[in-house]
Amino acid sequence: AAYQTVPKDRIAHSMHGYFILGGDLNIPITYEVDTLR
């Protein structure tokens, strides 16, 4: 999801995530991307 919002010449160098709740297998997941910089 994040990659879809950045210029093509940018490559990921790090990611840091927190799992907050267990996901339900029967419900699709919505990913909302915020542009920070």
Full PDB file with SEQRES, HELIX, SHEET, SSBOND, CRYST1, ORIGX, SCALE, CONECT and MASTER records, all heavy atoms in Angstrom:
SEQRES   1 A   37  ALA ALA TYR GLN THR VAL PRO LYS ASP ARG ILE ALA HIS          
SEQRES   2 A   37  SER MET HIS GLY TYR PHE ILE LEU GLY GLY ASP LEU ASN          
SEQRES   3 A   37  ILE PRO ILE THR TYR GLU VAL ASP THR LEU ARG                  
HELIX    1 AA1 ALA A    2  THR A    5  5                                   4    
CRYST1    1.000    1.000    1.000  90.00  90.00  90.00 P 1           1          
ORIGX1      1.000000  0.000000  0.000000        0.00000                         
ORIGX2      0.000000  1.000000  0.000000        0.00000                         
ORIGX3      0.000000  0.000000  1.000000        0.00000                         
SCALE1      1.000000  0.000000  0.000000        0.00000                         
SCALE2      0.000000  1.000000  0.000000        0.00000                         
SCALE3      0.000000  0.000000  1.000000        0.00000                         
ATOM      1  N   ALA A   1       0.829  -1.206   0.000  1.00  0.00           N  
ATOM      2  CA  ALA A   1       0.000   0.000   0.000  1.00  0.00           C  
ATOM      3  C   ALA A   1       0.862   1.254   0.000  1.00  0.00           C  
ATOM      4  O   ALA A   1       0.616   2.201  -0.761  1.00  0.00           O  
ATOM      5  CB  ALA A   1      -0.938  -0.012   1.209  1.00  0.00           C  
ATOM      6  N   ALA A   2       1.893   1.285   0.858  1.00  0.00           N  
ATOM      7  CA  ALA A   2       2.765   2.454   0.915  1.00  0.00           C  
ATOM      8  C   ALA A   2       3.466   2.676  -0.417  1.00  0.00           C  
ATOM      9  O   ALA A   2       3.591   3.822  -0.892  1.00  0.00           O  
ATOM     10  CB  ALA A   2       3.784   2.278   2.041  1.00  0.00           C  
ATOM     11  N   TYR A   3       3.929   1.594  -1.042  1.00  0.00           N  
ATOM     12  CA  TYR A   3       4.637   1.709  -2.321  1.00  0.00           C  
ATOM     13  C   TYR A   3       3.777   2.354  -3.409  1.00  0.00           C  
ATOM     14  O   TYR A   3       4.300   3.008  -4.324  1.00  0.00           O  
ATOM     15  CB  TYR A   3       5.099   0.337  -2.795  1.00  0.00           C  
ATOM     16  CG  TYR A   3       6.588   0.096  -2.656  1.00  0.00           C  
ATOM     17  CD1 TYR A   3       7.073  -0.945  -1.873  1.00  0.00           C  
ATOM     18  CD2 TYR A   3       7.513   0.895  -3.328  1.00  0.00           C  
ATOM     19  CE1 TYR A   3       8.438  -1.178  -1.748  1.00  0.00           C  
ATOM     20  CE2 TYR A   3       8.878   0.670  -3.208  1.00  0.00           C  
ATOM     21  CZ  TYR A   3       9.339  -0.373  -2.420  1.00  0.00           C  
ATOM     22  OH  TYR A   3      10.701  -0.587  -2.304  1.00  0.00           O  
ATOM     23  N   GLN A   4       2.456   2.178  -3.336  1.00  0.00           N  
ATOM     24  CA  GLN A   4       1.586   2.735  -4.372  1.00  0.00           C  
ATOM     25  C   GLN A   4       1.508   4.251  -4.314  1.00  0.00           C  
ATOM     26  O   GLN A   4       0.971   4.877  -5.246  1.00  0.00           O  
ATOM     27  CB  GLN A   4       0.171   2.142  -4.255  1.00  0.00           C  
ATOM     28  CG  GLN A   4       0.101   0.633  -4.249  1.00  0.00           C  
ATOM     29  CD  GLN A   4       1.006  -0.014  -5.266  1.00  0.00           C  
ATOM     30  OE1 GLN A   4       0.878   0.207  -6.468  1.00  0.00           O  
ATOM     31  NE2 GLN A   4       1.950  -0.828  -4.789  1.00  0.00           N  
ATOM     32  N   THR A   5       2.038   4.862  -3.257  1.00  0.00           N  
ATOM     33  CA  THR A   5       1.896   6.305  -3.069  1.00  0.00           C  
ATOM     34  C   THR A   5       3.229   7.042  -3.132  1.00  0.00           C  
ATOM     35  O   THR A   5       3.262   8.242  -2.863  1.00  0.00           O  
ATOM     36  CB  THR A   5       1.226   6.605  -1.713  1.00  0.00           C  
ATOM     37  OG1 THR A   5       2.129   6.284  -0.644  1.00  0.00           O  
ATOM     38  CG2 THR A   5      -0.063   5.815  -1.543  1.00  0.00           C  
ATOM     39  N   VAL A   6       4.313   6.352  -3.461  1.00  0.00           N  
ATOM     40  CA  VAL A   6       5.627   7.009  -3.493  1.00  0.00           C  
ATOM     41  C   VAL A   6       6.149   7.037  -4.925  1.00  0.00           C  
ATOM     42  O   VAL A   6       5.750   6.217  -5.769  1.00  0.00           O  
ATOM     43  CB  VAL A   6       6.633   6.299  -2.566  1.00  0.00           C  
ATOM     44  CG1 VAL A   6       6.117   6.257  -1.134  1.00  0.00           C  
ATOM     45  CG2 VAL A   6       6.963   4.904  -3.057  1.00  0.00           C  
ATOM     46  N   PRO A   7       7.042   7.965  -5.258  1.00  0.00           N  
ATOM     47  CA  PRO A   7       7.629   8.005  -6.600  1.00  0.00           C  
ATOM     48  C   PRO A   7       8.344   6.699  -6.940  1.00  0.00           C  
ATOM     49  O   PRO A   7       8.847   6.007  -6.058  1.00  0.00           O  
ATOM     50  CB  PRO A   7       8.624   9.175  -6.511  1.00  0.00           C  
ATOM     51  CG  PRO A   7       8.118  10.033  -5.396  1.00  0.00           C  
ATOM     52  CD  PRO A   7       7.511   9.088  -4.399  1.00  0.00           C  
ATOM     53  N   LYS A   8       8.406   6.366  -8.220  1.00  0.00           N  
ATOM     54  CA  LYS A   8       8.973   5.098  -8.669  1.00  0.00           C  
ATOM     55  C   LYS A   8      10.473   4.987  -8.406  1.00  0.00           C  
ATOM     56  O   LYS A   8      11.020   3.880  -8.393  1.00  0.00           O  
ATOM     57  CB  LYS A   8       8.702   4.904 -10.167  1.00  0.00           C  
ATOM     58  CG  LYS A   8       7.220   4.820 -10.524  1.00  0.00           C  
ATOM     59  CD  LYS A   8       6.546   3.638  -9.831  1.00  0.00           C  
ATOM     60  CE  LYS A   8       5.080   3.527 -10.246  1.00  0.00           C  
ATOM     61  NZ  LYS A   8       4.381   2.436  -9.516  1.00  0.00           N  
ATOM     62  N   ASP A   9      11.146   6.113  -8.196  1.00  0.00           N  
ATOM     63  CA  ASP A   9      12.593   6.058  -7.967  1.00  0.00           C  
ATOM     64  C   ASP A   9      12.942   5.905  -6.487  1.00  0.00           C  
ATOM     65  O   ASP A   9      14.108   5.947  -6.105  1.00  0.00           O  
ATOM     66  CB  ASP A   9      13.285   7.308  -8.524  1.00  0.00           C  
ATOM     67  CG  ASP A   9      12.760   8.609  -7.914  1.00  0.00           C  
ATOM     68  OD1 ASP A   9      11.822   8.553  -7.083  1.00  0.00           O  
ATOM     69  OD2 ASP A   9      13.275   9.683  -8.280  1.00  0.00           O  
ATOM     70  N   ARG A  10      11.933   5.701  -5.623  1.00  0.00           N  
ATOM     71  CA  ARG A  10      12.179   5.530  -4.190  1.00  0.00           C  
ATOM     72  C   ARG A  10      12.025   4.053  -3.818  1.00  0.00           C  
ATOM     73  O   ARG A  10      11.058   3.395  -4.216  1.00  0.00           O  
ATOM     74  CB  ARG A  10      11.195   6.359  -3.356  1.00  0.00           C  
ATOM     75  CG  ARG A  10      11.138   7.846  -3.729  1.00  0.00           C  
ATOM     76  CD  ARG A  10      12.444   8.557  -3.398  1.00  0.00           C  
ATOM     77  NE  ARG A  10      12.570   9.832  -4.055  1.00  0.00           N  
ATOM     78  CZ  ARG A  10      12.529  11.012  -3.422  1.00  0.00           C  
ATOM     79  NH1 ARG A  10      12.323  11.046  -2.112  1.00  0.00           N  
ATOM     80  NH2 ARG A  10      12.697  12.124  -4.100  1.00  0.00           N  
ATOM     81  N   ILE A  11      12.972   3.542  -3.041  1.00  0.00           N  
ATOM     82  CA  ILE A  11      12.963   2.148  -2.599  1.00  0.00           C  
ATOM     83  C   ILE A  11      12.891   2.110  -1.075  1.00  0.00           C  
ATOM     84  O   ILE A  11      13.583   2.880  -0.392  1.00  0.00           O  
ATOM     85  CB  ILE A  11      14.223   1.409  -3.094  1.00  0.00           C  
ATOM     86  CG1 ILE A  11      14.235   1.341  -4.614  1.00  0.00           C  
ATOM     87  CG2 ILE A  11      14.307  -0.001  -2.505  1.00  0.00           C  
ATOM     88  CD1 ILE A  11      13.091   0.558  -5.221  1.00  0.00           C  
ATOM     89  N   ALA A  12      12.084   1.217  -0.533  1.00  0.00           N  
ATOM     90  CA  ALA A  12      11.948   1.103   0.924  1.00  0.00           C  
ATOM     91  C   ALA A  12      13.287   0.731   1.549  1.00  0.00           C  
ATOM     92  O   ALA A  12      13.980  -0.167   1.066  1.00  0.00           O  
ATOM     93  CB  ALA A  12      10.901   0.061   1.272  1.00  0.00           C  
ATOM     94  N   HIS A  13      13.646   1.435   2.626  1.00  0.00           N  
ATOM     95  CA  HIS A  13      14.845   1.050   3.374  1.00  0.00           C  
ATOM     96  C   HIS A  13      14.507   0.592   4.791  1.00  0.00           C  
ATOM     97  O   HIS A  13      15.310  -0.093   5.425  1.00  0.00           O  
ATOM     98  CB  HIS A  13      15.882   2.182   3.405  1.00  0.00           C  
ATOM     99  CG  HIS A  13      15.490   3.350   4.271  1.00  0.00           C  
ATOM    100  ND1 HIS A  13      15.729   3.401   5.626  1.00  0.00           N  
ATOM    101  CD2 HIS A  13      14.877   4.518   3.950  1.00  0.00           C  
ATOM    102  CE1 HIS A  13      15.287   4.553   6.101  1.00  0.00           C  
ATOM    103  NE2 HIS A  13      14.759   5.240   5.122  1.00  0.00           N  
ATOM    104  N   SER A  14      13.293   0.921   5.278  1.00  0.00           N  
ATOM    105  CA  SER A  14      12.911   0.403   6.594  1.00  0.00           C  
ATOM    106  C   SER A  14      11.401   0.491   6.773  1.00  0.00           C  
ATOM    107  O   SER A  14      10.728   1.326   6.148  1.00  0.00           O  
ATOM    108  CB  SER A  14      13.609   1.158   7.731  1.00  0.00           C  
ATOM    109  OG  SER A  14      13.147   2.498   7.810  1.00  0.00           O  
ATOM    110  N   MET A  15      10.883  -0.384   7.637  1.00  0.00           N  
ATOM    111  CA  MET A  15       9.479  -0.338   8.028  1.00  0.00           C  
ATOM    112  C   MET A  15       9.366  -0.818   9.469  1.00  0.00           C  
ATOM    113  O   MET A  15      10.104  -1.704   9.904  1.00  0.00           O  
ATOM    114  CB  MET A  15       8.616  -1.197   7.099  1.00  0.00           C  
ATOM    115  CG  MET A  15       8.980  -2.657   7.040  1.00  0.00           C  
ATOM    116  SD  MET A  15       7.963  -3.614   5.867  1.00  0.00           S  
ATOM    117  CE  MET A  15       6.344  -3.518   6.648  1.00  0.00           C  
ATOM    118  N   HIS A  16       8.455  -0.215  10.213  1.00  0.00           N  
ATOM    119  CA  HIS A  16       8.263  -0.530  11.624  1.00  0.00           C  
ATOM    120  C   HIS A  16       6.765  -0.624  11.889  1.00  0.00           C  
ATOM    121  O   HIS A  16       6.031   0.354  11.692  1.00  0.00           O  
ATOM    122  CB  HIS A  16       8.870   0.562  12.514  1.00  0.00           C  
ATOM    123  CG  HIS A  16      10.335   0.770  12.302  1.00  0.00           C  
ATOM    124  ND1 HIS A  16      11.297   0.334  13.186  1.00  0.00           N  
ATOM    125  CD2 HIS A  16      11.013   1.365  11.282  1.00  0.00           C  
ATOM    126  CE1 HIS A  16      12.486   0.651  12.732  1.00  0.00           C  
ATOM    127  NE2 HIS A  16      12.346   1.281  11.573  1.00  0.00           N  
ATOM    128  N   GLY A  17       6.304  -1.788  12.325  1.00  0.00           N  
ATOM    129  CA  GLY A  17       4.875  -1.998  12.506  1.00  0.00           C  
ATOM    130  C   GLY A  17       4.515  -2.505  13.886  1.00  0.00           C  
ATOM    131  O   GLY A  17       5.313  -3.187  14.548  1.00  0.00           O  
ATOM    132  N   TYR A  18       3.287  -2.176  14.316  1.00  0.00           N  
ATOM    133  CA  TYR A  18       2.724  -2.676  15.574  1.00  0.00           C  
ATOM    134  C   TYR A  18       1.424  -3.422  15.277  1.00  0.00           C  
ATOM    135  O   TYR A  18       0.536  -2.886  14.602  1.00  0.00           O  
ATOM    136  CB  TYR A  18       2.435  -1.533  16.548  1.00  0.00           C  
ATOM    137  CG  TYR A  18       3.652  -1.041  17.285  1.00  0.00           C  
ATOM    138  CD1 TYR A  18       4.409   0.009  16.779  1.00  0.00           C  
ATOM    139  CD2 TYR A  18       4.061  -1.635  18.482  1.00  0.00           C  
ATOM    140  CE1 TYR A  18       5.545   0.459  17.437  1.00  0.00           C  
ATOM    141  CE2 TYR A  18       5.188  -1.188  19.154  1.00  0.00           C  
ATOM    142  CZ  TYR A  18       5.927  -0.144  18.633  1.00  0.00           C  
ATOM    143  OH  TYR A  18       7.049   0.284  19.284  1.00  0.00           O  
ATOM    144  N   PHE A  19       1.326  -4.632  15.798  1.00  0.00           N  
ATOM    145  CA  PHE A  19       0.100  -5.415  15.700  1.00  0.00           C  
ATOM    146  C   PHE A  19      -0.778  -5.069  16.897  1.00  0.00           C  
ATOM    147  O   PHE A  19      -0.361  -5.224  18.049  1.00  0.00           O  
ATOM    148  CB  PHE A  19       0.423  -6.905  15.683  1.00  0.00           C  
ATOM    149  CG  PHE A  19       1.231  -7.326  14.481  1.00  0.00           C  
ATOM    150  CD1 PHE A  19       2.611  -7.355  14.525  1.00  0.00           C  
ATOM    151  CD2 PHE A  19       0.598  -7.685  13.301  1.00  0.00           C  
ATOM    152  CE1 PHE A  19       3.361  -7.727  13.421  1.00  0.00           C  
ATOM    153  CE2 PHE A  19       1.331  -8.061  12.186  1.00  0.00           C  
ATOM    154  CZ  PHE A  19       2.717  -8.087  12.249  1.00  0.00           C  
ATOM    155  N   ILE A  20      -1.976  -4.608  16.633  1.00  0.00           N  
ATOM    156  CA  ILE A  20      -2.837  -4.077  17.696  1.00  0.00           C  
ATOM    157  C   ILE A  20      -3.954  -5.051  18.044  1.00  0.00           C  
ATOM    158  O   ILE A  20      -4.232  -5.286  19.227  1.00  0.00           O  
ATOM    159  CB  ILE A  20      -3.414  -2.714  17.252  1.00  0.00           C  
ATOM    160  CG1 ILE A  20      -2.252  -1.727  17.029  1.00  0.00           C  
ATOM    161  CG2 ILE A  20      -4.388  -2.169  18.290  1.00  0.00           C  
ATOM    162  CD1 ILE A  20      -2.654  -0.465  16.306  1.00  0.00           C  
ATOM    163  N   LEU A  21      -4.600  -5.621  17.051  1.00  0.00           N  
ATOM    164  CA  LEU A  21      -5.653  -6.615  17.261  1.00  0.00           C  
ATOM    165  C   LEU A  21      -5.439  -7.778  16.299  1.00  0.00           C  
ATOM    166  O   LEU A  21      -4.925  -7.593  15.189  1.00  0.00           O  
ATOM    167  CB  LEU A  21      -7.043  -6.010  16.994  1.00  0.00           C  
ATOM    168  CG  LEU A  21      -7.558  -4.956  17.966  1.00  0.00           C  
ATOM    169  CD1 LEU A  21      -8.858  -4.352  17.423  1.00  0.00           C  
ATOM    170  CD2 LEU A  21      -7.793  -5.555  19.347  1.00  0.00           C  
ATOM    171  N   GLY A  22      -5.854  -8.974  16.711  1.00  0.00           N  
ATOM    172  CA  GLY A  22      -5.815 -10.114  15.814  1.00  0.00           C  
ATOM    173  C   GLY A  22      -6.784  -9.902  14.660  1.00  0.00           C  
ATOM    174  O   GLY A  22      -7.904  -9.432  14.840  1.00  0.00           O  
ATOM    175  N   GLY A  23      -6.341 -10.235  13.455  1.00  0.00           N  
ATOM    176  CA  GLY A  23      -7.177 -10.022  12.282  1.00  0.00           C  
ATOM    177  C   GLY A  23      -8.146 -11.170  12.051  1.00  0.00           C  
ATOM    178  O   GLY A  23      -7.834 -12.333  12.299  1.00  0.00           O  
ATOM    179  N   ASP A  24      -9.336 -10.838  11.555  1.00  0.00           N  
ATOM    180  CA  ASP A  24     -10.376 -11.809  11.228  1.00  0.00           C  
ATOM    181  C   ASP A  24     -10.160 -12.291   9.794  1.00  0.00           C  
ATOM    182  O   ASP A  24     -10.169 -11.493   8.846  1.00  0.00           O  
ATOM    183  CB  ASP A  24     -11.753 -11.155  11.367  1.00  0.00           C  
ATOM    184  CG  ASP A  24     -12.908 -12.141  11.220  1.00  0.00           C  
ATOM    185  OD1 ASP A  24     -12.774 -13.133  10.468  1.00  0.00           O  
ATOM    186  OD2 ASP A  24     -13.957 -11.925  11.853  1.00  0.00           O  
ATOM    187  N   LEU A  25      -9.998 -13.591   9.614  1.00  0.00           N  
ATOM    188  CA  LEU A  25      -9.728 -14.156   8.294  1.00  0.00           C  
ATOM    189  C   LEU A  25     -10.859 -13.904   7.293  1.00  0.00           C  
ATOM    190  O   LEU A  25     -10.629 -13.902   6.082  1.00  0.00           O  
ATOM    191  CB  LEU A  25      -9.497 -15.667   8.401  1.00  0.00           C  
ATOM    192  CG  LEU A  25      -8.201 -16.132   9.051  1.00  0.00           C  
ATOM    193  CD1 LEU A  25      -8.197 -17.646   9.179  1.00  0.00           C  
ATOM    194  CD2 LEU A  25      -7.005 -15.666   8.243  1.00  0.00           C  
ATOM    195  N   ASN A  26     -12.062 -13.699   7.780  1.00  0.00           N  
ATOM    196  CA  ASN A  26     -13.221 -13.601   6.901  1.00  0.00           C  
ATOM    197  C   ASN A  26     -13.551 -12.179   6.464  1.00  0.00           C  
ATOM    198  O   ASN A  26     -14.525 -11.972   5.729  1.00  0.00           O  
ATOM    199  CB  ASN A  26     -14.442 -14.214   7.599  1.00  0.00           C  
ATOM    200  CG  ASN A  26     -14.222 -15.677   7.932  1.00  0.00           C  
ATOM    201  OD1 ASN A  26     -13.836 -16.464   7.077  1.00  0.00           O  
ATOM    202  ND2 ASN A  26     -14.449 -16.052   9.187  1.00  0.00           N  
ATOM    203  N   ILE A  27     -12.752 -11.208   6.913  1.00  0.00           N  
ATOM    204  CA  ILE A  27     -13.028  -9.808   6.584  1.00  0.00           C  
ATOM    205  C   ILE A  27     -11.835  -9.221   5.837  1.00  0.00           C  
ATOM    206  O   ILE A  27     -10.712  -9.271   6.339  1.00  0.00           O  
ATOM    207  CB  ILE A  27     -13.297  -8.986   7.861  1.00  0.00           C  
ATOM    208  CG1 ILE A  27     -14.467  -9.579   8.644  1.00  0.00           C  
ATOM    209  CG2 ILE A  27     -13.572  -7.527   7.507  1.00  0.00           C  
ATOM    210  CD1 ILE A  27     -14.697  -8.909   9.987  1.00  0.00           C  
ATOM    211  N   PRO A  28     -12.038  -8.672   4.637  1.00  0.00           N  
ATOM    212  CA  PRO A  28     -10.926  -8.000   3.931  1.00  0.00           C  
ATOM    213  C   PRO A  28     -10.347  -6.879   4.784  1.00  0.00           C  
ATOM    214  O   PRO A  28     -11.025  -6.314   5.647  1.00  0.00           O  
ATOM    215  CB  PRO A  28     -11.590  -7.461   2.663  1.00  0.00           C  
ATOM    216  CG  PRO A  28     -12.789  -8.321   2.467  1.00  0.00           C  
ATOM    217  CD  PRO A  28     -13.283  -8.657   3.848  1.00  0.00           C  
ATOM    218  N   ILE A  29      -9.095  -6.553   4.545  1.00  0.00           N  
ATOM    219  CA  ILE A  29      -8.400  -5.523   5.321  1.00  0.00           C  
ATOM    220  C   ILE A  29      -8.281  -4.258   4.481  1.00  0.00           C  
ATOM    221  O   ILE A  29      -7.863  -4.304   3.323  1.00  0.00           O  
ATOM    222  CB  ILE A  29      -7.003  -6.003   5.752  1.00  0.00           C  
ATOM    223  CG1 ILE A  29      -7.122  -7.272   6.591  1.00  0.00           C  
ATOM    224  CG2 ILE A  29      -6.282  -4.909   6.541  1.00  0.00           C  
ATOM    225  CD1 ILE A  29      -5.785  -7.898   6.958  1.00  0.00           C  
ATOM    226  N   THR A  30      -8.671  -3.130   5.074  1.00  0.00           N  
ATOM    227  CA  THR A  30      -8.537  -1.832   4.426  1.00  0.00           C  
ATOM    228  C   THR A  30      -7.247  -1.166   4.903  1.00  0.00           C  
ATOM    229  O   THR A  30      -6.991  -1.074   6.105  1.00  0.00           O  
ATOM    230  CB  THR A  30      -9.736  -0.927   4.753  1.00  0.00           C  
ATOM    231  OG1 THR A  30     -10.939  -1.555   4.304  1.00  0.00           O  
ATOM    232  CG2 THR A  30      -9.592   0.432   4.083  1.00  0.00           C  
ATOM    233  N   TYR A  31      -6.449  -0.711   3.942  1.00  0.00           N  
ATOM    234  CA  TYR A  31      -5.176  -0.039   4.251  1.00  0.00           C  
ATOM    235  C   TYR A  31      -5.284   1.431   3.869  1.00  0.00           C  
ATOM    236  O   TYR A  31      -5.514   1.760   2.698  1.00  0.00           O  
ATOM    237  CB  TYR A  31      -4.028  -0.703   3.491  1.00  0.00           C  
ATOM    238  CG  TYR A  31      -3.751  -2.126   3.932  1.00  0.00           C  
ATOM    239  CD1 TYR A  31      -4.414  -3.199   3.322  1.00  0.00           C  
ATOM    240  CD2 TYR A  31      -2.858  -2.399   4.954  1.00  0.00           C  
ATOM    241  CE1 TYR A  31      -4.177  -4.501   3.727  1.00  0.00           C  
ATOM    242  CE2 TYR A  31      -2.619  -3.708   5.364  1.00  0.00           C  
ATOM    243  CZ  TYR A  31      -3.281  -4.751   4.750  1.00  0.00           C  
ATOM    244  OH  TYR A  31      -3.041  -6.046   5.166  1.00  0.00           O  
ATOM    245  N   GLU A  32      -5.137   2.308   4.861  1.00  0.00           N  
ATOM    246  CA  GLU A  32      -5.197   3.750   4.637  1.00  0.00           C  
ATOM    247  C   GLU A  32      -3.783   4.324   4.765  1.00  0.00           C  
ATOM    248  O   GLU A  32      -3.113   4.110   5.784  1.00  0.00           O  
ATOM    249  CB  GLU A  32      -6.126   4.407   5.655  1.00  0.00           C  
ATOM    250  CG  GLU A  32      -7.559   3.879   5.589  1.00  0.00           C  
ATOM    251  CD  GLU A  32      -8.444   4.446   6.684  1.00  0.00           C  
ATOM    252  OE1 GLU A  32      -7.922   5.186   7.554  1.00  0.00           O  
ATOM    253  OE2 GLU A  32      -9.653   4.147   6.684  1.00  0.00           O  
ATOM    254  N   VAL A  33      -3.338   5.034   3.748  1.00  0.00           N  
ATOM    255  CA  VAL A  33      -1.967   5.556   3.705  1.00  0.00           C  
ATOM    256  C   VAL A  33      -1.977   7.058   3.973  1.00  0.00           C  
ATOM    257  O   VAL A  33      -2.725   7.811   3.336  1.00  0.00           O  
ATOM    258  CB  VAL A  33      -1.310   5.273   2.339  1.00  0.00           C  
ATOM    259  CG1 VAL A  33       0.141   5.751   2.339  1.00  0.00           C  
ATOM    260  CG2 VAL A  33      -1.388   3.782   2.011  1.00  0.00           C  
ATOM    261  N   ASP A  34      -1.151   7.496   4.913  1.00  0.00           N  
ATOM    262  CA  ASP A  34      -0.958   8.916   5.196  1.00  0.00           C  
ATOM    263  C   ASP A  34       0.383   9.358   4.619  1.00  0.00           C  
ATOM    264  O   ASP A  34       1.408   8.697   4.828  1.00  0.00           O  
ATOM    265  CB  ASP A  34      -0.952   9.188   6.698  1.00  0.00           C  
ATOM    266  CG  ASP A  34      -2.329   9.081   7.312  1.00  0.00           C  
ATOM    267  OD1 ASP A  34      -3.314   9.187   6.566  1.00  0.00           O  
ATOM    268  OD2 ASP A  34      -2.411   8.871   8.538  1.00  0.00           O  
ATOM    269  N   THR A  35       0.385  10.493   3.930  1.00  0.00           N  
ATOM    270  CA  THR A  35       1.627  11.073   3.411  1.00  0.00           C  
ATOM    271  C   THR A  35       2.249  11.936   4.501  1.00  0.00           C  
ATOM    272  O   THR A  35       1.731  13.014   4.813  1.00  0.00           O  
ATOM    273  CB  THR A  35       1.347  11.917   2.153  1.00  0.00           C  
ATOM    274  OG1 THR A  35       0.807  11.060   1.139  1.00  0.00           O  
ATOM    275  CG2 THR A  35       2.620  12.575   1.641  1.00  0.00           C  
ATOM    276  N   LEU A  36       3.335  11.456   5.089  1.00  0.00           N  
ATOM    277  CA  LEU A  36       3.979  12.198   6.173  1.00  0.00           C  
ATOM    278  C   LEU A  36       5.055  13.155   5.666  1.00  0.00           C  
ATOM    279  O   LEU A  36       5.228  14.240   6.200  1.00  0.00           O  
ATOM    280  CB  LEU A  36       4.595  11.221   7.180  1.00  0.00           C  
ATOM    281  CG  LEU A  36       3.627  10.268   7.879  1.00  0.00           C  
ATOM    282  CD1 LEU A  36       4.365   9.440   8.919  1.00  0.00           C  
ATOM    283  CD2 LEU A  36       2.482  11.025   8.533  1.00  0.00           C  
ATOM    284  N   ARG A  37       5.797  12.706   4.623  1.00  0.00           N  
ATOM    285  CA  ARG A  37       6.865  13.584   4.118  1.00  0.00           C  
ATOM    286  C   ARG A  37       7.251  13.172   2.705  1.00  0.00           C  
ATOM    287  O   ARG A  37       7.375  11.993   2.404  1.00  0.00           O  
ATOM    288  CB  ARG A  37       8.102  13.503   5.021  1.00  0.00           C  
ATOM    289  CG  ARG A  37       9.263  14.402   4.582  1.00  0.00           C  
ATOM    290  CD  ARG A  37      10.397  14.391   5.606  1.00  0.00           C  
ATOM    291  NE  ARG A  37      11.433  15.357   5.266  1.00  0.00           N  
ATOM    292  CZ  ARG A  37      12.559  15.065   4.594  1.00  0.00           C  
ATOM    293  NH1 ARG A  37      12.769  13.817   4.221  1.00  0.00           N  
ATOM    294  NH2 ARG A  37      13.451  15.984   4.326  1.00  0.00           N  
TER     295      ARG A  37                                                      
MASTER        0    0    0    1    0    0    0    6  294    1    0    3          
END                                                                             
